[in-house]
N, C-alpha and C. Protein backbone atom coordinates (compact mmCIF):
# COMPACT_ATOMS: atom_id res chain seq x y z
N PHE A 1 1.42 -13.25 0.65
CA PHE A 1 2.23 -12.14 1.12
C PHE A 1 3.71 -12.36 0.88
N GLY A 2 4.09 -13.41 0.24
CA GLY A 2 5.50 -13.62 -0.06
C GLY A 2 6.27 -14.10 1.15
N ASN A 3 7.59 -14.04 1.05
CA ASN A 3 8.47 -14.51 2.11
C ASN A 3 8.71 -13.39 3.11
N LEU A 4 8.08 -13.51 4.29
CA LEU A 4 8.17 -12.44 5.28
C LEU A 4 9.53 -12.35 5.94
N LYS A 5 10.31 -13.43 5.92
CA LYS A 5 11.65 -13.37 6.49
C LYS A 5 12.46 -12.28 5.80
N ASN A 6 12.33 -12.21 4.48
CA ASN A 6 13.07 -11.20 3.71
C ASN A 6 12.47 -9.81 3.87
N VAL A 7 11.19 -9.75 4.16
CA VAL A 7 10.50 -8.47 4.23
C VAL A 7 10.82 -7.72 5.53
N ILE A 8 10.70 -8.41 6.66
CA ILE A 8 10.79 -7.75 7.96
C ILE A 8 12.22 -7.86 8.49
N GLN A 9 13.05 -6.95 8.10
CA GLN A 9 14.42 -6.90 8.61
C GLN A 9 14.72 -5.49 9.03
N LYS A 10 15.24 -5.35 10.25
CA LYS A 10 15.50 -4.01 10.78
C LYS A 10 16.44 -3.21 9.90
N LYS A 11 17.43 -3.88 9.31
CA LYS A 11 18.38 -3.22 8.42
C LYS A 11 17.64 -2.55 7.25
N ASN A 12 16.68 -3.29 6.69
CA ASN A 12 15.88 -2.74 5.59
C ASN A 12 15.06 -1.53 6.05
N LEU A 13 14.51 -1.60 7.27
CA LEU A 13 13.70 -0.50 7.79
C LEU A 13 14.56 0.74 8.02
N ILE A 14 15.76 0.57 8.52
CA ILE A 14 16.66 1.71 8.74
C ILE A 14 17.01 2.37 7.41
N ASN A 15 17.29 1.55 6.39
CA ASN A 15 17.56 2.10 5.06
C ASN A 15 16.36 2.87 4.53
N LYS A 16 15.18 2.34 4.79
CA LYS A 16 13.94 2.97 4.33
C LYS A 16 13.76 4.34 4.99
N ILE A 17 14.03 4.42 6.29
CA ILE A 17 13.89 5.68 7.02
C ILE A 17 14.82 6.74 6.44
N ASN A 18 16.03 6.35 6.11
CA ASN A 18 17.02 7.30 5.58
C ASN A 18 16.70 7.77 4.17
N LYS A 19 15.82 7.07 3.49
CA LYS A 19 15.53 7.41 2.09
C LYS A 19 14.08 7.85 1.87
N ILE A 20 13.40 8.31 2.90
CA ILE A 20 12.00 8.72 2.73
C ILE A 20 11.92 9.87 1.72
N ASN A 21 11.06 9.69 0.72
CA ASN A 21 10.86 10.71 -0.31
C ASN A 21 9.41 10.65 -0.78
N PRO A 22 8.99 11.65 -1.55
CA PRO A 22 7.57 11.67 -1.98
C PRO A 22 7.29 10.71 -3.13
N SER A 23 7.39 9.42 -2.83
CA SER A 23 7.09 8.38 -3.82
C SER A 23 6.02 7.47 -3.24
N PHE A 24 5.02 7.18 -4.04
CA PHE A 24 3.82 6.49 -3.56
C PHE A 24 3.52 5.24 -4.38
N LEU A 25 3.38 4.14 -3.69
CA LEU A 25 2.87 2.92 -4.32
C LEU A 25 1.35 2.99 -4.19
N VAL A 26 0.66 2.93 -5.30
CA VAL A 26 -0.80 3.06 -5.31
C VAL A 26 -1.38 1.67 -5.57
N ILE A 27 -2.08 1.12 -4.56
CA ILE A 27 -2.56 -0.26 -4.66
C ILE A 27 -4.06 -0.37 -4.35
N PRO A 28 -4.87 -0.27 -5.37
CA PRO A 28 -6.31 -0.49 -5.15
C PRO A 28 -6.59 -1.99 -5.01
N GLU A 29 -7.75 -2.31 -4.47
CA GLU A 29 -8.14 -3.72 -4.45
C GLU A 29 -8.58 -4.10 -5.86
N GLY A 30 -8.94 -5.33 -6.06
CA GLY A 30 -9.22 -5.83 -7.40
C GLY A 30 -10.60 -5.52 -7.95
N THR A 31 -11.03 -4.26 -7.85
CA THR A 31 -12.29 -3.86 -8.48
C THR A 31 -12.03 -2.64 -9.37
N ILE A 32 -12.78 -2.54 -10.41
CA ILE A 32 -12.61 -1.42 -11.34
C ILE A 32 -12.89 -0.10 -10.66
N SER A 33 -13.94 -0.04 -9.83
CA SER A 33 -14.28 1.23 -9.18
C SER A 33 -13.17 1.72 -8.26
N GLU A 34 -12.52 0.80 -7.55
CA GLU A 34 -11.42 1.21 -6.66
C GLU A 34 -10.20 1.65 -7.46
N CYS A 35 -9.92 0.99 -8.56
CA CYS A 35 -8.82 1.41 -9.44
C CYS A 35 -9.09 2.81 -9.97
N ILE A 36 -10.29 3.05 -10.42
CA ILE A 36 -10.65 4.36 -10.97
C ILE A 36 -10.47 5.44 -9.90
N SER A 37 -10.97 5.18 -8.72
CA SER A 37 -10.89 6.14 -7.63
C SER A 37 -9.45 6.49 -7.28
N LEU A 38 -8.63 5.49 -7.01
CA LEU A 38 -7.24 5.73 -6.61
C LEU A 38 -6.37 6.25 -7.75
N PHE A 39 -6.54 5.69 -8.93
CA PHE A 39 -5.70 6.12 -10.06
C PHE A 39 -6.07 7.53 -10.52
N ASN A 40 -7.34 7.85 -10.52
CA ASN A 40 -7.77 9.20 -10.89
C ASN A 40 -7.15 10.23 -9.94
N PHE A 41 -7.23 9.96 -8.64
CA PHE A 41 -6.63 10.86 -7.65
C PHE A 41 -5.12 10.98 -7.86
N SER A 42 -4.46 9.86 -8.07
CA SER A 42 -3.00 9.86 -8.25
C SER A 42 -2.57 10.60 -9.50
N ILE A 43 -3.27 10.38 -10.59
CA ILE A 43 -2.91 11.03 -11.86
C ILE A 43 -3.12 12.54 -11.76
N LYS A 44 -4.26 12.94 -11.21
CA LYS A 44 -4.51 14.39 -11.02
C LYS A 44 -3.45 15.01 -10.11
N SER A 45 -3.08 14.29 -9.05
CA SER A 45 -2.06 14.78 -8.13
C SER A 45 -0.70 14.89 -8.83
N ALA A 46 -0.39 13.93 -9.67
CA ALA A 46 0.89 13.92 -10.39
C ALA A 46 1.01 15.13 -11.32
N TYR A 47 -0.08 15.51 -11.96
CA TYR A 47 -0.06 16.70 -12.83
C TYR A 47 0.22 17.97 -12.02
N LYS A 48 -0.33 18.04 -10.83
CA LYS A 48 -0.21 19.25 -10.00
C LYS A 48 1.06 19.28 -9.17
N LYS A 49 1.57 18.13 -8.81
CA LYS A 49 2.75 18.06 -7.93
C LYS A 49 3.82 17.21 -8.62
N LYS A 50 4.62 17.86 -9.45
CA LYS A 50 5.61 17.17 -10.29
C LYS A 50 6.70 16.47 -9.48
N SER A 51 6.95 16.91 -8.25
CA SER A 51 8.01 16.29 -7.44
C SER A 51 7.56 14.98 -6.80
N PHE A 52 6.27 14.66 -6.90
CA PHE A 52 5.75 13.40 -6.37
C PHE A 52 5.82 12.34 -7.47
N LYS A 53 6.17 11.12 -7.06
CA LYS A 53 6.19 9.99 -8.01
C LYS A 53 5.14 8.97 -7.56
N PHE A 54 4.36 8.51 -8.50
CA PHE A 54 3.31 7.52 -8.20
C PHE A 54 3.56 6.26 -9.04
N ILE A 55 3.60 5.12 -8.38
CA ILE A 55 3.66 3.84 -9.09
C ILE A 55 2.28 3.21 -8.97
N LEU A 56 1.61 3.08 -10.12
CA LEU A 56 0.27 2.51 -10.15
C LEU A 56 0.39 1.00 -10.34
N ARG A 57 -0.17 0.27 -9.43
CA ARG A 57 -0.10 -1.19 -9.49
C ARG A 57 -1.52 -1.74 -9.42
N THR A 58 -1.89 -2.51 -10.41
CA THR A 58 -3.22 -3.10 -10.40
C THR A 58 -3.17 -4.50 -9.79
N HIS A 59 -4.32 -4.92 -9.33
CA HIS A 59 -4.50 -6.31 -8.91
C HIS A 59 -4.34 -7.16 -10.18
N PRO A 60 -3.82 -8.37 -10.07
CA PRO A 60 -3.61 -9.20 -11.27
C PRO A 60 -4.85 -9.42 -12.13
N ILE A 61 -6.04 -9.31 -11.55
CA ILE A 61 -7.26 -9.55 -12.36
C ILE A 61 -7.71 -8.32 -13.13
N ILE A 62 -7.05 -7.19 -12.93
CA ILE A 62 -7.46 -5.93 -13.56
C ILE A 62 -6.48 -5.54 -14.67
N ASP A 63 -7.02 -5.13 -15.81
CA ASP A 63 -6.21 -4.65 -16.93
C ASP A 63 -6.09 -3.13 -16.83
N ILE A 64 -4.88 -2.65 -16.66
CA ILE A 64 -4.65 -1.20 -16.52
C ILE A 64 -5.15 -0.43 -17.73
N ASN A 65 -5.05 -1.01 -18.92
CA ASN A 65 -5.50 -0.32 -20.13
C ASN A 65 -7.00 -0.05 -20.09
N LYS A 66 -7.75 -0.97 -19.51
CA LYS A 66 -9.20 -0.79 -19.36
C LYS A 66 -9.48 0.40 -18.42
N ILE A 67 -8.70 0.50 -17.35
CA ILE A 67 -8.89 1.60 -16.38
C ILE A 67 -8.56 2.93 -17.04
N LEU A 68 -7.45 2.98 -17.76
CA LEU A 68 -7.06 4.23 -18.44
C LEU A 68 -8.09 4.64 -19.48
N LYS A 69 -8.66 3.65 -20.15
CA LYS A 69 -9.70 3.94 -21.15
C LYS A 69 -10.94 4.55 -20.47
N ILE A 70 -11.33 4.00 -19.34
CA ILE A 70 -12.47 4.53 -18.59
C ILE A 70 -12.17 5.95 -18.13
N LEU A 71 -10.92 6.19 -17.70
CA LEU A 71 -10.51 7.53 -17.25
C LEU A 71 -10.26 8.50 -18.42
N LYS A 72 -10.34 7.96 -19.64
CA LYS A 72 -10.11 8.74 -20.87
C LYS A 72 -8.71 9.37 -20.87
N ILE A 73 -7.72 8.53 -20.54
CA ILE A 73 -6.33 8.96 -20.51
C ILE A 73 -5.51 7.98 -21.34
N GLU A 74 -4.74 8.52 -22.27
CA GLU A 74 -3.84 7.68 -23.05
C GLU A 74 -2.56 7.45 -22.26
N LYS A 75 -2.08 6.22 -22.30
CA LYS A 75 -0.89 5.86 -21.54
C LYS A 75 0.29 6.79 -21.88
N ARG A 76 0.45 7.10 -23.15
CA ARG A 76 1.59 7.94 -23.57
C ARG A 76 1.45 9.39 -23.12
N LYS A 77 0.25 9.79 -22.69
CA LYS A 77 0.03 11.17 -22.24
C LYS A 77 0.07 11.32 -20.72
N LEU A 78 0.37 10.22 -20.04
CA LEU A 78 0.48 10.30 -18.58
C LEU A 78 1.68 11.17 -18.22
N PRO A 79 1.60 11.89 -17.11
CA PRO A 79 2.77 12.67 -16.68
C PRO A 79 3.96 11.75 -16.39
N LYS A 80 5.15 12.29 -16.51
CA LYS A 80 6.38 11.50 -16.33
C LYS A 80 6.52 10.95 -14.90
N ASN A 81 5.84 11.55 -13.95
CA ASN A 81 5.94 11.07 -12.57
C ASN A 81 4.89 10.00 -12.23
N ILE A 82 4.25 9.48 -13.27
CA ILE A 82 3.35 8.32 -13.12
C ILE A 82 4.04 7.14 -13.78
N ILE A 83 4.19 6.07 -13.01
CA ILE A 83 4.79 4.85 -13.53
C ILE A 83 3.76 3.74 -13.39
N ILE A 84 3.54 3.02 -14.46
CA ILE A 84 2.64 1.87 -14.41
C ILE A 84 3.51 0.64 -14.17
N SER A 85 3.27 -0.02 -13.06
CA SER A 85 4.10 -1.16 -12.68
C SER A 85 3.91 -2.32 -13.64
N LYS A 86 5.04 -2.90 -14.01
CA LYS A 86 5.03 -4.13 -14.81
C LYS A 86 5.67 -5.26 -14.03
N ASN A 87 6.03 -4.98 -12.78
CA ASN A 87 6.69 -5.98 -11.94
C ASN A 87 5.71 -7.05 -11.47
N LYS A 88 6.13 -8.29 -11.57
CA LYS A 88 5.31 -9.39 -11.04
C LYS A 88 5.41 -9.42 -9.51
N ASP A 89 6.58 -9.08 -9.00
CA ASP A 89 6.83 -9.11 -7.56
C ASP A 89 6.59 -7.72 -6.98
N ILE A 90 5.62 -7.61 -6.08
CA ILE A 90 5.28 -6.32 -5.48
C ILE A 90 6.45 -5.71 -4.71
N LEU A 91 7.35 -6.54 -4.20
CA LEU A 91 8.49 -6.02 -3.45
C LEU A 91 9.35 -5.08 -4.28
N GLN A 92 9.41 -5.30 -5.59
CA GLN A 92 10.17 -4.40 -6.46
C GLN A 92 9.58 -2.99 -6.43
N ASP A 93 8.26 -2.90 -6.39
CA ASP A 93 7.60 -1.59 -6.32
C ASP A 93 7.71 -0.99 -4.92
N ILE A 94 7.60 -1.83 -3.92
CA ILE A 94 7.69 -1.36 -2.54
C ILE A 94 9.05 -0.73 -2.28
N LYS A 95 10.09 -1.36 -2.77
CA LYS A 95 11.46 -0.87 -2.57
C LYS A 95 11.68 0.51 -3.18
N LYS A 96 10.93 0.83 -4.20
CA LYS A 96 11.10 2.10 -4.91
C LYS A 96 10.28 3.24 -4.32
N THR A 97 9.49 2.95 -3.29
CA THR A 97 8.57 3.95 -2.75
C THR A 97 8.72 4.08 -1.24
N SER A 98 8.22 5.21 -0.73
CA SER A 98 8.24 5.46 0.72
C SER A 98 6.85 5.39 1.34
N PHE A 99 5.84 5.60 0.53
CA PHE A 99 4.46 5.62 1.02
C PHE A 99 3.64 4.60 0.24
N VAL A 100 2.53 4.16 0.84
CA VAL A 100 1.58 3.30 0.14
C VAL A 100 0.21 3.94 0.28
N LEU A 101 -0.39 4.25 -0.86
CA LEU A 101 -1.72 4.85 -0.92
C LEU A 101 -2.69 3.71 -1.24
N PHE A 102 -3.66 3.51 -0.35
CA PHE A 102 -4.51 2.33 -0.49
C PHE A 102 -5.93 2.62 -0.04
N ARG A 103 -6.80 1.64 -0.30
CA ARG A 103 -8.16 1.64 0.23
C ARG A 103 -8.46 0.25 0.78
N GLY A 104 -8.67 -0.73 -0.08
CA GLY A 104 -9.09 -2.04 0.40
C GLY A 104 -8.13 -3.18 0.13
N SER A 105 -6.99 -2.90 -0.42
CA SER A 105 -6.06 -3.97 -0.79
C SER A 105 -5.31 -4.52 0.42
N SER A 106 -5.31 -5.82 0.56
CA SER A 106 -4.55 -6.44 1.66
C SER A 106 -3.04 -6.38 1.40
N ALA A 107 -2.64 -6.02 0.19
CA ALA A 107 -1.21 -5.87 -0.12
C ALA A 107 -0.59 -4.75 0.72
N VAL A 108 -1.43 -3.93 1.33
CA VAL A 108 -0.92 -2.87 2.21
C VAL A 108 -0.12 -3.46 3.37
N LEU A 109 -0.48 -4.64 3.82
CA LEU A 109 0.24 -5.28 4.92
C LEU A 109 1.71 -5.48 4.56
N GLN A 110 1.95 -6.08 3.42
CA GLN A 110 3.33 -6.32 3.00
C GLN A 110 4.09 -5.01 2.82
N SER A 111 3.41 -4.03 2.29
CA SER A 111 4.04 -2.73 2.08
C SER A 111 4.43 -2.07 3.41
N ILE A 112 3.54 -2.13 4.39
CA ILE A 112 3.83 -1.57 5.71
C ILE A 112 4.99 -2.31 6.37
N LEU A 113 4.94 -3.65 6.30
CA LEU A 113 5.98 -4.45 6.94
C LEU A 113 7.36 -4.21 6.32
N THR A 114 7.38 -3.71 5.12
CA THR A 114 8.64 -3.40 4.45
C THR A 114 9.05 -1.96 4.70
N GLY A 115 8.25 -1.23 5.46
CA GLY A 115 8.64 0.12 5.86
C GLY A 115 7.93 1.25 5.15
N ASN A 116 7.00 0.94 4.24
CA ASN A 116 6.26 2.02 3.61
C ASN A 116 5.24 2.61 4.58
N ILE A 117 5.04 3.89 4.48
CA ILE A 117 4.12 4.61 5.35
C ILE A 117 2.71 4.53 4.74
N PRO A 118 1.75 3.94 5.45
CA PRO A 118 0.41 3.78 4.89
C PRO A 118 -0.41 5.06 4.93
N ILE A 119 -1.11 5.32 3.83
CA ILE A 119 -2.04 6.44 3.76
C ILE A 119 -3.34 5.91 3.14
N TYR A 120 -4.40 5.98 3.93
CA TYR A 120 -5.70 5.53 3.45
C TYR A 120 -6.35 6.67 2.68
N PHE A 121 -6.82 6.38 1.46
CA PHE A 121 -7.49 7.39 0.64
C PHE A 121 -8.99 7.32 0.88
N LYS A 122 -9.53 8.39 1.43
CA LYS A 122 -10.96 8.47 1.74
C LYS A 122 -11.67 9.15 0.57
N THR A 123 -12.68 8.48 0.04
CA THR A 123 -13.46 9.05 -1.06
C THR A 123 -14.63 9.86 -0.50
N ILE A 124 -15.26 10.62 -1.37
CA ILE A 124 -16.39 11.46 -0.96
C ILE A 124 -17.52 10.61 -0.37
N ASP A 125 -17.84 9.53 -1.05
CA ASP A 125 -18.92 8.64 -0.58
C ASP A 125 -18.33 7.44 0.16
N ASP A 126 -17.34 7.70 0.97
CA ASP A 126 -16.52 6.64 1.57
C ASP A 126 -17.32 5.62 2.34
N ARG A 127 -17.17 4.40 1.90
CA ARG A 127 -17.54 3.26 2.71
C ARG A 127 -16.19 2.67 3.07
N ASN A 128 -15.83 2.78 4.29
CA ASN A 128 -14.49 2.42 4.73
C ASN A 128 -14.23 0.94 4.47
N ILE A 129 -13.25 0.67 3.60
CA ILE A 129 -12.91 -0.71 3.27
C ILE A 129 -11.47 -1.03 3.66
N ASN A 130 -10.96 -0.29 4.62
CA ASN A 130 -9.60 -0.47 5.10
C ASN A 130 -9.45 -1.90 5.66
N PRO A 131 -8.56 -2.71 5.05
CA PRO A 131 -8.42 -4.09 5.51
C PRO A 131 -7.73 -4.22 6.88
N ILE A 132 -7.19 -3.13 7.37
CA ILE A 132 -6.53 -3.17 8.68
C ILE A 132 -7.16 -2.11 9.60
N GLN A 133 -8.47 -2.16 9.68
CA GLN A 133 -9.22 -1.17 10.46
C GLN A 133 -8.86 -1.14 11.93
N GLU A 134 -8.40 -2.28 12.45
CA GLU A 134 -8.05 -2.29 13.87
C GLU A 134 -6.86 -1.38 14.19
N PHE A 135 -6.18 -0.90 13.14
CA PHE A 135 -5.06 0.03 13.32
C PHE A 135 -5.39 1.44 12.82
N LYS A 136 -6.68 1.71 12.62
CA LYS A 136 -7.07 2.99 12.00
C LYS A 136 -6.57 4.22 12.74
N ASN A 137 -6.36 4.11 14.04
CA ASN A 137 -5.86 5.27 14.78
C ASN A 137 -4.35 5.48 14.55
N LYS A 138 -3.71 4.52 13.90
CA LYS A 138 -2.28 4.65 13.60
C LYS A 138 -2.02 4.92 12.12
N ILE A 139 -3.09 4.95 11.33
CA ILE A 139 -2.96 5.15 9.89
C ILE A 139 -3.62 6.47 9.51
N LYS A 140 -2.88 7.31 8.82
CA LYS A 140 -3.39 8.61 8.41
C LYS A 140 -4.28 8.47 7.19
N THR A 141 -5.23 9.37 7.09
CA THR A 141 -6.21 9.38 6.01
C THR A 141 -6.12 10.70 5.26
N VAL A 142 -6.24 10.64 3.93
CA VAL A 142 -6.29 11.86 3.12
C VAL A 142 -7.46 11.76 2.15
N SER A 143 -7.95 12.91 1.76
CA SER A 143 -9.01 12.94 0.74
C SER A 143 -8.74 14.02 -0.31
N SER A 144 -7.56 14.67 -0.20
CA SER A 144 -7.22 15.72 -1.16
C SER A 144 -5.70 15.77 -1.35
N LEU A 145 -5.29 16.38 -2.44
CA LEU A 145 -3.86 16.56 -2.70
C LEU A 145 -3.23 17.42 -1.62
N LYS A 146 -3.94 18.45 -1.19
CA LYS A 146 -3.42 19.33 -0.14
C LYS A 146 -3.07 18.53 1.12
N GLU A 147 -3.96 17.62 1.51
CA GLU A 147 -3.71 16.77 2.68
C GLU A 147 -2.54 15.81 2.44
N LEU A 148 -2.46 15.29 1.22
CA LEU A 148 -1.37 14.37 0.88
C LEU A 148 -0.02 15.07 0.95
N ILE A 149 0.05 16.28 0.45
CA ILE A 149 1.30 17.06 0.48
C ILE A 149 1.70 17.32 1.93
N LYS A 150 0.76 17.81 2.71
CA LYS A 150 1.05 18.14 4.11
C LYS A 150 1.53 16.91 4.89
N LEU A 151 0.84 15.81 4.72
CA LEU A 151 1.17 14.59 5.45
C LEU A 151 2.53 14.04 5.02
N SER A 152 2.75 13.92 3.73
CA SER A 152 4.01 13.35 3.26
C SER A 152 5.20 14.23 3.62
N GLU A 153 5.03 15.55 3.51
CA GLU A 153 6.12 16.46 3.87
C GLU A 153 6.45 16.37 5.36
N SER A 154 5.44 16.12 6.17
CA SER A 154 5.67 15.95 7.61
C SER A 154 6.54 14.73 7.88
N TYR A 155 6.21 13.62 7.26
CA TYR A 155 7.01 12.40 7.44
C TYR A 155 8.42 12.57 6.88
N ILE A 156 8.52 13.20 5.71
CA ILE A 156 9.83 13.38 5.07
C ILE A 156 10.73 14.26 5.94
N SER A 157 10.19 15.34 6.47
CA SER A 157 11.01 16.25 7.28
C SER A 157 11.45 15.60 8.59
N LYS A 158 10.61 14.73 9.14
CA LYS A 158 10.95 14.08 10.41
C LYS A 158 11.75 12.80 10.21
N LYS A 159 11.80 12.31 8.97
CA LYS A 159 12.47 11.04 8.65
C LYS A 159 12.05 9.94 9.63
N GLN A 160 10.74 9.69 9.66
CA GLN A 160 10.22 8.70 10.59
C GLN A 160 9.22 7.77 9.93
N ILE A 161 9.20 6.54 10.39
CA ILE A 161 8.15 5.60 10.04
C ILE A 161 7.61 5.05 11.36
N ASN A 162 6.43 4.49 11.33
CA ASN A 162 5.78 4.02 12.54
C ASN A 162 6.21 2.57 12.84
N LEU A 163 7.30 2.43 13.58
CA LEU A 163 7.80 1.10 13.92
C LEU A 163 6.82 0.34 14.81
N LYS A 164 6.07 1.05 15.64
CA LYS A 164 5.08 0.41 16.51
C LYS A 164 3.98 -0.25 15.66
N LEU A 165 3.56 0.41 14.60
CA LEU A 165 2.56 -0.16 13.71
C LEU A 165 3.09 -1.44 13.07
N ILE A 166 4.33 -1.42 12.63
CA ILE A 166 4.94 -2.60 12.01
C ILE A 166 4.96 -3.76 13.01
N GLU A 167 5.37 -3.50 14.24
CA GLU A 167 5.41 -4.53 15.28
C GLU A 167 4.00 -5.06 15.58
N ASP A 168 3.03 -4.16 15.68
CA ASP A 168 1.65 -4.58 15.96
C ASP A 168 1.09 -5.46 14.85
N ILE A 169 1.37 -5.12 13.61
CA ILE A 169 0.89 -5.92 12.49
C ILE A 169 1.55 -7.29 12.51
N LYS A 170 2.84 -7.32 12.78
CA LYS A 170 3.55 -8.60 12.87
C LYS A 170 2.90 -9.49 13.92
N LYS A 171 2.58 -8.92 15.08
CA LYS A 171 2.00 -9.70 16.18
C LYS A 171 0.59 -10.18 15.85
N ASN A 172 -0.20 -9.33 15.19
CA ASN A 172 -1.60 -9.65 14.93
C ASN A 172 -1.83 -10.53 13.72
N TYR A 173 -0.99 -10.43 12.71
CA TYR A 173 -1.24 -11.15 11.47
C TYR A 173 -0.30 -12.32 11.22
N TYR A 174 0.85 -12.30 11.82
CA TYR A 174 1.84 -13.33 11.52
C TYR A 174 2.29 -14.00 12.81
N LYS A 175 1.78 -15.18 13.02
CA LYS A 175 2.12 -15.94 14.22
C LYS A 175 2.93 -17.16 13.80
N LYS A 176 3.78 -17.61 14.70
CA LYS A 176 4.59 -18.79 14.45
C LYS A 176 3.67 -20.00 14.32
N PHE A 177 3.91 -20.82 13.32
CA PHE A 177 3.10 -22.00 13.06
C PHE A 177 3.35 -23.06 14.12
N ASN A 178 2.29 -23.62 14.70
CA ASN A 178 2.39 -24.64 15.75
C ASN A 178 1.77 -25.93 15.24
N ILE A 179 2.62 -26.88 14.84
CA ILE A 179 2.15 -28.14 14.28
C ILE A 179 1.36 -28.96 15.30
N ASN A 180 1.71 -28.85 16.58
CA ASN A 180 0.99 -29.62 17.61
C ASN A 180 -0.48 -29.21 17.71
N LYS A 181 -0.76 -27.92 17.58
CA LYS A 181 -2.15 -27.45 17.60
C LYS A 181 -2.92 -28.00 16.41
N LEU A 182 -2.27 -28.04 15.26
CA LEU A 182 -2.91 -28.55 14.06
C LEU A 182 -3.25 -30.04 14.23
N ILE A 183 -2.34 -30.80 14.80
CA ILE A 183 -2.57 -32.24 15.03
C ILE A 183 -3.75 -32.44 15.99
N LYS A 184 -3.83 -31.63 17.06
CA LYS A 184 -4.94 -31.73 18.00
C LYS A 184 -6.27 -31.44 17.31
N ILE A 185 -6.29 -30.42 16.48
CA ILE A 185 -7.52 -30.07 15.75
C ILE A 185 -7.91 -31.21 14.81
N LYS A 186 -6.92 -31.74 14.11
CA LYS A 186 -7.18 -32.85 13.18
C LYS A 186 -7.76 -34.04 13.94
N ASN A 187 -7.20 -34.35 15.10
CA ASN A 187 -7.69 -35.48 15.89
C ASN A 187 -9.12 -35.24 16.39
N LYS A 188 -9.43 -34.03 16.78
CA LYS A 188 -10.79 -33.71 17.23
C LYS A 188 -11.79 -33.86 16.08
N ILE A 189 -11.40 -33.41 14.90
CA ILE A 189 -12.28 -33.48 13.73
C ILE A 189 -12.54 -34.93 13.36
N ARG A 190 -11.55 -35.77 13.48
CA ARG A 190 -11.68 -37.19 13.12
C ARG A 190 -12.80 -37.89 13.90
N TYR A 191 -13.03 -37.44 15.14
CA TYR A 191 -14.03 -38.10 15.98
C TYR A 191 -15.45 -37.58 15.80
N PHE A 192 -15.66 -36.60 14.95
CA PHE A 192 -17.01 -36.08 14.73
C PHE A 192 -17.72 -36.81 13.63
């Protein structure tokens, strides 16, 4: 998840709130089927809603060209509001977006902690693979462009992000390291 000290700063969150716009980081998990599902939705949405910007980011084990070939889309024919990420550091993509469209990628945690608004994409045959299901009542779900437009416009008009969700994730996933506990565990293991 990178260096969280740099990620979770209130100053950065305030800047993010002031700059909310219809830009989406699209992060599928590392399977071809999930890439196809999320990228297909994003590309179709980009054709219909030119004011929306989508940054498509693949898991390092996935070749974007393979996905585009399966979708029968040439890279040069993608709409101008589709950007294929070439950044090694996900923070570069996060900084350029206000929302994160996801299904099963744990990278959603870093994106949320940096102030992006999470949107879970529900497929027709949805088997819920949300990696942060314990927060499902705080994360909005969409399954159509109409829902995506309505939801994003609501956040943009209110200029709000869910600070409570960010705090809850920090508390649940990132705890201060306690070396004394580790030493006690090590000592217990030694005697078995």
